[in-house]
């Protein structure tokens, strides 16, 4: 079984100065590129997680939720 690549370090516009796309746009871009799953790992917050999860499920992607915490 050959598995497809997975994006594991993806930031949406909720990560100030690091991401420019909405969580929904990230999911749709990943689906259009043939990915089976994608992670959202914004900095210090999970504000886009609901929008991201819904968009992934609609696009038949497995959502992976993560978080980068600055300490």
N, C-alpha and C. Protein backbone atom coordinates (compact mmCIF):
# COMPACT_ATOMS: atom_id res chain seq x y z
N UNK A 1 0.84 -1.18 0.00
CA UNK A 1 0.00 0.00 0.00
C UNK A 1 0.89 1.25 0.00
N UNK A 2 0.65 2.11 -0.92
CA UNK A 2 1.40 3.36 -1.02
C UNK A 2 0.56 4.46 -0.39
N UNK A 3 1.14 5.16 0.55
CA UNK A 3 0.40 6.25 1.19
C UNK A 3 0.78 7.58 0.56
N UNK A 4 -0.16 8.49 0.58
CA UNK A 4 0.10 9.81 0.01
C UNK A 4 0.78 10.70 1.04
N UNK A 5 1.46 11.74 0.60
CA UNK A 5 2.09 12.66 1.55
C UNK A 5 1.04 13.42 2.37
N UNK A 6 1.46 13.87 3.52
CA UNK A 6 0.59 14.61 4.42
C UNK A 6 1.28 15.91 4.82
N UNK A 7 0.56 17.01 4.73
CA UNK A 7 1.09 18.28 5.20
C UNK A 7 0.86 18.38 6.71
N UNK A 8 1.94 18.42 7.48
CA UNK A 8 1.82 18.40 8.94
C UNK A 8 2.15 19.72 9.62
N UNK A 9 2.59 20.71 8.90
CA UNK A 9 2.93 21.99 9.50
C UNK A 9 2.30 23.11 8.67
N UNK A 10 1.01 23.28 8.82
CA UNK A 10 0.25 24.21 8.00
C UNK A 10 -0.36 25.29 8.88
N UNK A 11 -0.20 26.55 8.48
CA UNK A 11 -0.73 27.67 9.24
C UNK A 11 -1.78 28.42 8.42
N UNK A 12 -2.87 28.77 9.06
CA UNK A 12 -3.89 29.58 8.42
C UNK A 12 -3.66 31.04 8.77
N UNK A 13 -4.58 31.89 8.35
CA UNK A 13 -4.43 33.32 8.66
C UNK A 13 -4.64 33.62 10.15
N UNK A 14 -4.98 32.61 10.93
CA UNK A 14 -5.05 32.80 12.38
C UNK A 14 -3.65 32.86 13.00
N UNK A 15 -2.64 32.36 12.28
CA UNK A 15 -1.25 32.50 12.72
C UNK A 15 -0.71 33.78 12.09
N UNK A 16 -0.75 34.84 12.84
CA UNK A 16 -0.36 36.16 12.35
C UNK A 16 1.07 36.12 11.78
N UNK A 17 1.24 36.67 10.59
CA UNK A 17 2.50 36.77 9.88
C UNK A 17 3.06 35.42 9.39
N UNK A 18 2.29 34.35 9.49
CA UNK A 18 2.78 33.05 9.02
C UNK A 18 1.87 32.40 8.01
N UNK A 19 0.58 32.63 8.10
CA UNK A 19 -0.34 32.02 7.15
C UNK A 19 -1.20 33.07 6.49
N UNK A 20 -1.63 32.80 5.27
CA UNK A 20 -2.44 33.78 4.55
C UNK A 20 -3.81 33.24 4.14
N UNK A 21 -3.98 31.93 4.13
CA UNK A 21 -5.23 31.34 3.69
C UNK A 21 -6.15 31.03 4.86
N UNK A 22 -7.43 30.97 4.57
CA UNK A 22 -8.39 30.55 5.59
C UNK A 22 -8.24 29.05 5.80
N UNK A 23 -8.70 28.53 6.93
CA UNK A 23 -8.67 27.08 7.14
C UNK A 23 -9.42 26.33 6.03
N UNK A 24 -10.53 26.90 5.57
CA UNK A 24 -11.31 26.27 4.49
C UNK A 24 -10.50 26.21 3.20
N UNK A 25 -9.84 27.31 2.85
CA UNK A 25 -9.03 27.34 1.63
C UNK A 25 -7.86 26.35 1.69
N UNK A 26 -7.27 26.18 2.87
CA UNK A 26 -6.20 25.20 3.03
C UNK A 26 -6.70 23.79 2.74
N UNK A 27 -7.87 23.47 3.27
CA UNK A 27 -8.45 22.14 3.05
C UNK A 27 -8.78 21.93 1.58
N UNK A 28 -9.39 22.92 0.95
CA UNK A 28 -9.76 22.78 -0.45
C UNK A 28 -8.52 22.67 -1.35
N UNK A 29 -7.47 23.41 -1.03
CA UNK A 29 -6.22 23.32 -1.80
C UNK A 29 -5.59 21.94 -1.67
N UNK A 30 -5.61 21.41 -0.46
CA UNK A 30 -5.04 20.08 -0.24
C UNK A 30 -5.83 19.02 -1.00
N UNK A 31 -7.15 19.11 -0.97
CA UNK A 31 -7.99 18.15 -1.70
C UNK A 31 -7.74 18.25 -3.20
N UNK A 32 -7.62 19.47 -3.72
CA UNK A 32 -7.38 19.66 -5.15
C UNK A 32 -6.00 19.13 -5.56
N UNK A 33 -5.06 19.09 -4.62
CA UNK A 33 -3.72 18.59 -4.89
C UNK A 33 -3.59 17.09 -4.70
N UNK A 34 -4.68 16.44 -4.30
CA UNK A 34 -4.67 14.99 -4.16
C UNK A 34 -4.28 14.45 -2.81
N UNK A 35 -4.19 15.29 -1.81
CA UNK A 35 -3.85 14.83 -0.47
C UNK A 35 -5.03 14.07 0.15
N UNK A 36 -4.73 13.13 1.03
CA UNK A 36 -5.77 12.40 1.75
C UNK A 36 -6.04 13.01 3.12
N UNK A 37 -5.06 13.72 3.66
CA UNK A 37 -5.22 14.37 4.96
C UNK A 37 -4.30 15.58 5.03
N UNK A 38 -4.61 16.45 5.98
CA UNK A 38 -3.83 17.67 6.18
C UNK A 38 -3.97 18.08 7.65
N UNK A 39 -2.90 18.66 8.18
CA UNK A 39 -2.93 19.13 9.56
C UNK A 39 -3.00 20.66 9.58
N UNK A 40 -3.67 21.18 10.58
CA UNK A 40 -3.68 22.62 10.85
C UNK A 40 -2.97 22.82 12.17
N UNK A 41 -1.86 23.55 12.15
CA UNK A 41 -1.04 23.74 13.36
C UNK A 41 -0.77 25.22 13.57
N UNK A 42 -1.82 25.97 13.82
CA UNK A 42 -1.66 27.40 14.06
C UNK A 42 -0.94 27.65 15.38
N UNK A 43 -0.45 28.88 15.54
CA UNK A 43 0.30 29.26 16.74
C UNK A 43 -0.63 29.71 17.86
N UNK A 44 -0.51 29.04 18.99
CA UNK A 44 -1.12 29.45 20.26
C UNK A 44 -2.64 29.51 20.30
N UNK A 45 -3.31 28.96 19.30
CA UNK A 45 -4.77 28.98 19.33
C UNK A 45 -5.35 27.94 18.39
N UNK A 46 -6.60 27.60 18.65
CA UNK A 46 -7.32 26.63 17.82
C UNK A 46 -8.53 27.28 17.17
N UNK A 47 -8.48 28.56 16.92
CA UNK A 47 -9.63 29.32 16.43
C UNK A 47 -10.18 28.79 15.11
N UNK A 48 -9.34 28.27 14.24
CA UNK A 48 -9.80 27.80 12.94
C UNK A 48 -10.14 26.33 12.89
N UNK A 49 -10.11 25.65 14.02
CA UNK A 49 -10.25 24.19 14.00
C UNK A 49 -11.63 23.70 13.56
N UNK A 50 -12.69 24.39 13.94
CA UNK A 50 -14.03 23.94 13.54
C UNK A 50 -14.22 24.15 12.04
N UNK A 51 -13.89 25.33 11.54
CA UNK A 51 -13.99 25.62 10.11
C UNK A 51 -13.13 24.64 9.31
N UNK A 52 -11.93 24.38 9.78
CA UNK A 52 -11.00 23.47 9.12
C UNK A 52 -11.55 22.04 9.08
N UNK A 53 -12.03 21.56 10.21
CA UNK A 53 -12.56 20.20 10.28
C UNK A 53 -13.75 20.02 9.36
N UNK A 54 -14.66 20.96 9.38
CA UNK A 54 -15.84 20.87 8.50
C UNK A 54 -15.43 20.87 7.03
N UNK A 55 -14.50 21.75 6.66
CA UNK A 55 -14.05 21.82 5.27
C UNK A 55 -13.36 20.53 4.85
N UNK A 56 -12.55 19.96 5.74
CA UNK A 56 -11.88 18.70 5.43
C UNK A 56 -12.89 17.58 5.20
N UNK A 57 -13.85 17.47 6.07
CA UNK A 57 -14.84 16.41 5.93
C UNK A 57 -15.65 16.58 4.66
N UNK A 58 -15.99 17.81 4.30
CA UNK A 58 -16.71 18.06 3.05
C UNK A 58 -15.86 17.70 1.83
N UNK A 59 -14.55 17.87 1.94
CA UNK A 59 -13.63 17.59 0.83
C UNK A 59 -13.08 16.17 0.87
N UNK A 60 -13.62 15.35 1.76
CA UNK A 60 -13.19 13.96 1.92
C UNK A 60 -11.72 13.84 2.32
N UNK A 61 -11.29 14.72 3.22
CA UNK A 61 -9.94 14.69 3.78
C UNK A 61 -10.01 14.32 5.26
N UNK A 62 -8.95 13.70 5.75
CA UNK A 62 -8.84 13.45 7.19
C UNK A 62 -8.18 14.65 7.83
N UNK A 63 -8.90 15.37 8.71
CA UNK A 63 -8.28 16.51 9.38
C UNK A 63 -7.40 16.06 10.54
N UNK A 64 -6.29 16.74 10.70
CA UNK A 64 -5.41 16.52 11.85
C UNK A 64 -5.26 17.88 12.52
N UNK A 65 -5.62 17.94 13.78
CA UNK A 65 -5.52 19.20 14.52
C UNK A 65 -4.28 19.20 15.39
N UNK A 66 -3.55 20.27 15.32
CA UNK A 66 -2.34 20.43 16.12
C UNK A 66 -2.25 21.85 16.61
N UNK A 67 -1.19 22.14 17.31
CA UNK A 67 -1.02 23.47 17.88
C UNK A 67 0.47 23.68 18.13
N UNK A 68 0.98 24.83 17.73
CA UNK A 68 2.34 25.22 18.07
C UNK A 68 2.23 26.23 19.19
N UNK A 69 2.82 25.90 20.32
CA UNK A 69 2.74 26.75 21.50
C UNK A 69 4.08 27.41 21.75
N UNK A 70 4.08 28.72 21.87
CA UNK A 70 5.29 29.46 22.20
C UNK A 70 5.43 29.49 23.73
N UNK A 71 6.58 29.05 24.21
CA UNK A 71 6.80 29.07 25.66
C UNK A 71 8.01 29.92 25.99
